[in-house]
Amino acid sequence: GYDVLMDDRDERPGVKFKDADLIGFPIRITLGQKYIQEKKIEVTIRQFNVTKTELVSSGSLSSFIRDSLS
């Protein structure tokens, strides 16, 4: 039940993060070294003027997003 846009451009992560912020995506999911080492997904949620970032296990990603947006 989610629309997803994957940014697979050949750009540095900072450029991609900046563009996502400019477009105004409410959720950014980042898979990086933490995912490889600890099986944790970095989730950044933007609501109003508050941004929170947390590491979430892959099994609880959907419920974390649903709970954060309600």
N, C-alpha and C. Protein backbone atom coordinates (compact mmCIF):
# COMPACT_ATOMS: atom_id res chain seq x y z
N GLY A 1 0.79 -1.20 0.00
CA GLY A 1 0.00 0.00 0.00
C GLY A 1 0.83 1.27 0.00
N TYR A 2 2.10 1.20 -0.42
CA TYR A 2 2.95 2.39 -0.45
C TYR A 2 3.44 2.63 -1.86
N ASP A 3 3.57 3.90 -2.24
CA ASP A 3 4.23 4.26 -3.49
C ASP A 3 5.70 4.46 -3.17
N VAL A 4 6.56 3.88 -3.99
CA VAL A 4 8.00 3.89 -3.71
C VAL A 4 8.74 4.49 -4.90
N LEU A 5 9.72 5.33 -4.59
CA LEU A 5 10.62 5.86 -5.60
C LEU A 5 12.04 5.50 -5.17
N MET A 6 12.72 4.73 -6.00
CA MET A 6 14.10 4.35 -5.69
C MET A 6 15.04 5.26 -6.47
N ASP A 7 15.92 5.92 -5.75
CA ASP A 7 16.87 6.82 -6.39
C ASP A 7 18.14 6.02 -6.69
N ASP A 8 18.23 5.54 -7.92
CA ASP A 8 19.40 4.74 -8.31
C ASP A 8 20.35 5.52 -9.22
N ARG A 9 20.28 6.84 -9.11
CA ARG A 9 21.20 7.67 -9.89
C ARG A 9 22.63 7.47 -9.41
N ASP A 10 23.57 7.76 -10.27
CA ASP A 10 24.99 7.65 -9.95
C ASP A 10 25.43 8.97 -9.31
N GLU A 11 24.93 9.23 -8.10
CA GLU A 11 25.24 10.45 -7.35
C GLU A 11 25.67 10.05 -5.95
N ARG A 12 26.31 10.99 -5.27
CA ARG A 12 26.68 10.78 -3.87
C ARG A 12 25.41 10.76 -3.02
N PRO A 13 25.44 10.05 -1.88
CA PRO A 13 24.25 10.00 -1.03
C PRO A 13 23.75 11.37 -0.60
N GLY A 14 24.65 12.29 -0.28
CA GLY A 14 24.23 13.62 0.16
C GLY A 14 23.39 14.34 -0.88
N VAL A 15 23.74 14.19 -2.14
CA VAL A 15 22.97 14.80 -3.22
C VAL A 15 21.58 14.19 -3.28
N LYS A 16 21.51 12.89 -3.15
CA LYS A 16 20.21 12.21 -3.18
C LYS A 16 19.35 12.62 -1.99
N PHE A 17 19.95 12.71 -0.79
CA PHE A 17 19.20 13.11 0.40
C PHE A 17 18.68 14.53 0.25
N LYS A 18 19.52 15.42 -0.27
CA LYS A 18 19.11 16.81 -0.46
C LYS A 18 17.94 16.90 -1.43
N ASP A 19 18.02 16.15 -2.52
CA ASP A 19 16.94 16.17 -3.51
C ASP A 19 15.64 15.62 -2.92
N ALA A 20 15.73 14.56 -2.12
CA ALA A 20 14.53 14.01 -1.49
C ALA A 20 13.90 15.03 -0.55
N ASP A 21 14.74 15.78 0.18
CA ASP A 21 14.22 16.82 1.06
C ASP A 21 13.57 17.95 0.27
N LEU A 22 14.18 18.33 -0.84
CA LEU A 22 13.61 19.40 -1.66
C LEU A 22 12.26 19.00 -2.27
N ILE A 23 12.15 17.75 -2.68
CA ILE A 23 10.90 17.26 -3.24
C ILE A 23 9.85 17.14 -2.14
N GLY A 24 10.29 16.84 -0.93
CA GLY A 24 9.38 16.77 0.20
C GLY A 24 8.87 15.39 0.53
N PHE A 25 9.67 14.37 0.25
CA PHE A 25 9.26 13.01 0.59
C PHE A 25 9.12 12.90 2.11
N PRO A 26 8.01 12.34 2.59
CA PRO A 26 7.83 12.25 4.05
C PRO A 26 8.65 11.13 4.69
N ILE A 27 9.05 10.13 3.91
CA ILE A 27 9.81 9.01 4.45
C ILE A 27 11.00 8.72 3.54
N ARG A 28 12.16 8.53 4.16
CA ARG A 28 13.34 8.13 3.40
C ARG A 28 13.89 6.87 4.06
N ILE A 29 14.06 5.83 3.27
CA ILE A 29 14.62 4.58 3.76
C ILE A 29 16.00 4.41 3.13
N THR A 30 17.00 4.21 3.98
CA THR A 30 18.37 4.12 3.51
C THR A 30 18.94 2.76 3.89
N LEU A 31 19.43 2.05 2.89
CA LEU A 31 20.11 0.78 3.13
C LEU A 31 21.60 1.01 2.92
N GLY A 32 22.36 0.81 3.97
CA GLY A 32 23.80 1.05 3.88
C GLY A 32 24.57 0.01 4.68
N GLN A 33 25.70 0.41 5.22
CA GLN A 33 26.56 -0.50 5.97
C GLN A 33 25.86 -1.11 7.18
N LYS A 34 25.03 -0.33 7.87
CA LYS A 34 24.31 -0.85 9.04
C LYS A 34 23.42 -2.02 8.63
N TYR A 35 22.82 -1.93 7.45
CA TYR A 35 21.96 -3.01 6.99
C TYR A 35 22.79 -4.27 6.74
N ILE A 36 23.92 -4.09 6.12
CA ILE A 36 24.79 -5.23 5.81
C ILE A 36 25.31 -5.87 7.10
N GLN A 37 25.74 -5.05 8.06
CA GLN A 37 26.35 -5.58 9.28
C GLN A 37 25.32 -6.04 10.31
N GLU A 38 24.26 -5.24 10.53
CA GLU A 38 23.35 -5.48 11.64
C GLU A 38 21.92 -5.81 11.21
N LYS A 39 21.67 -5.85 9.92
CA LYS A 39 20.31 -6.05 9.40
C LYS A 39 19.36 -4.98 9.93
N LYS A 40 19.84 -3.73 9.97
CA LYS A 40 19.03 -2.60 10.40
C LYS A 40 18.86 -1.63 9.23
N ILE A 41 17.68 -1.08 9.11
CA ILE A 41 17.36 -0.15 8.04
C ILE A 41 17.20 1.24 8.65
N GLU A 42 17.84 2.23 8.04
CA GLU A 42 17.72 3.60 8.53
C GLU A 42 16.47 4.22 7.93
N VAL A 43 15.57 4.66 8.80
CA VAL A 43 14.32 5.27 8.37
C VAL A 43 14.28 6.70 8.88
N THR A 44 14.08 7.64 7.97
CA THR A 44 13.95 9.05 8.33
C THR A 44 12.52 9.47 7.99
N ILE A 45 11.82 9.98 8.99
CA ILE A 45 10.44 10.42 8.80
C ILE A 45 10.37 11.92 9.05
N ARG A 46 9.79 12.62 8.07
CA ARG A 46 9.61 14.07 8.17
C ARG A 46 8.13 14.35 8.34
N GLN A 47 7.78 14.99 9.45
CA GLN A 47 6.41 15.42 9.69
C GLN A 47 6.46 16.84 10.20
N PHE A 48 5.74 17.72 9.52
CA PHE A 48 5.71 19.13 9.88
C PHE A 48 7.14 19.65 9.89
N ASN A 49 7.63 20.18 10.98
CA ASN A 49 9.01 20.68 11.03
C ASN A 49 9.90 19.77 11.86
N VAL A 50 9.49 18.52 12.05
CA VAL A 50 10.24 17.57 12.87
C VAL A 50 10.74 16.43 11.99
N THR A 51 12.01 16.13 12.12
CA THR A 51 12.60 15.01 11.39
C THR A 51 13.20 14.05 12.41
N LYS A 52 12.82 12.77 12.31
CA LYS A 52 13.43 11.78 13.22
C LYS A 52 13.98 10.64 12.39
N THR A 53 15.13 10.16 12.81
CA THR A 53 15.80 9.05 12.14
C THR A 53 16.03 7.94 13.14
N GLU A 54 15.68 6.72 12.74
CA GLU A 54 15.86 5.57 13.62
C GLU A 54 16.34 4.38 12.81
N LEU A 55 17.03 3.47 13.48
CA LEU A 55 17.41 2.19 12.88
C LEU A 55 16.35 1.18 13.26
N VAL A 56 15.80 0.50 12.26
CA VAL A 56 14.68 -0.41 12.46
C VAL A 56 15.04 -1.76 11.84
N SER A 57 14.64 -2.83 12.49
CA SER A 57 14.88 -4.15 11.89
C SER A 57 13.98 -4.31 10.67
N SER A 58 14.45 -5.09 9.71
CA SER A 58 13.72 -5.23 8.46
C SER A 58 12.34 -5.83 8.68
N GLY A 59 12.17 -6.68 9.67
CA GLY A 59 10.88 -7.31 9.93
C GLY A 59 9.84 -6.36 10.48
N SER A 60 10.27 -5.28 11.13
CA SER A 60 9.32 -4.35 11.73
C SER A 60 9.20 -3.04 10.95
N LEU A 61 9.74 -2.99 9.75
CA LEU A 61 9.74 -1.74 8.97
C LEU A 61 8.33 -1.25 8.69
N SER A 62 7.47 -2.11 8.18
CA SER A 62 6.12 -1.69 7.80
C SER A 62 5.34 -1.18 9.00
N SER A 63 5.39 -1.89 10.12
CA SER A 63 4.65 -1.44 11.30
C SER A 63 5.24 -0.15 11.87
N PHE A 64 6.56 0.01 11.80
CA PHE A 64 7.19 1.24 12.28
C PHE A 64 6.71 2.44 11.47
N ILE A 65 6.67 2.30 10.16
CA ILE A 65 6.20 3.40 9.31
C ILE A 65 4.74 3.70 9.57
N ARG A 66 3.92 2.67 9.65
CA ARG A 66 2.49 2.85 9.89
C ARG A 66 2.26 3.56 11.23
N ASP A 67 2.95 3.13 12.27
CA ASP A 67 2.80 3.74 13.59
C ASP A 67 3.32 5.17 13.61
N SER A 68 4.38 5.44 12.90
CA SER A 68 4.97 6.79 12.89
C SER A 68 4.10 7.80 12.16
N LEU A 69 3.36 7.35 11.18
CA LEU A 69 2.53 8.27 10.40
C LEU A 69 1.13 8.44 10.94
N SER A 70 0.78 7.67 11.97
CA SER A 70 -0.58 7.81 12.52
C SER A 70 -0.60 8.74 13.70
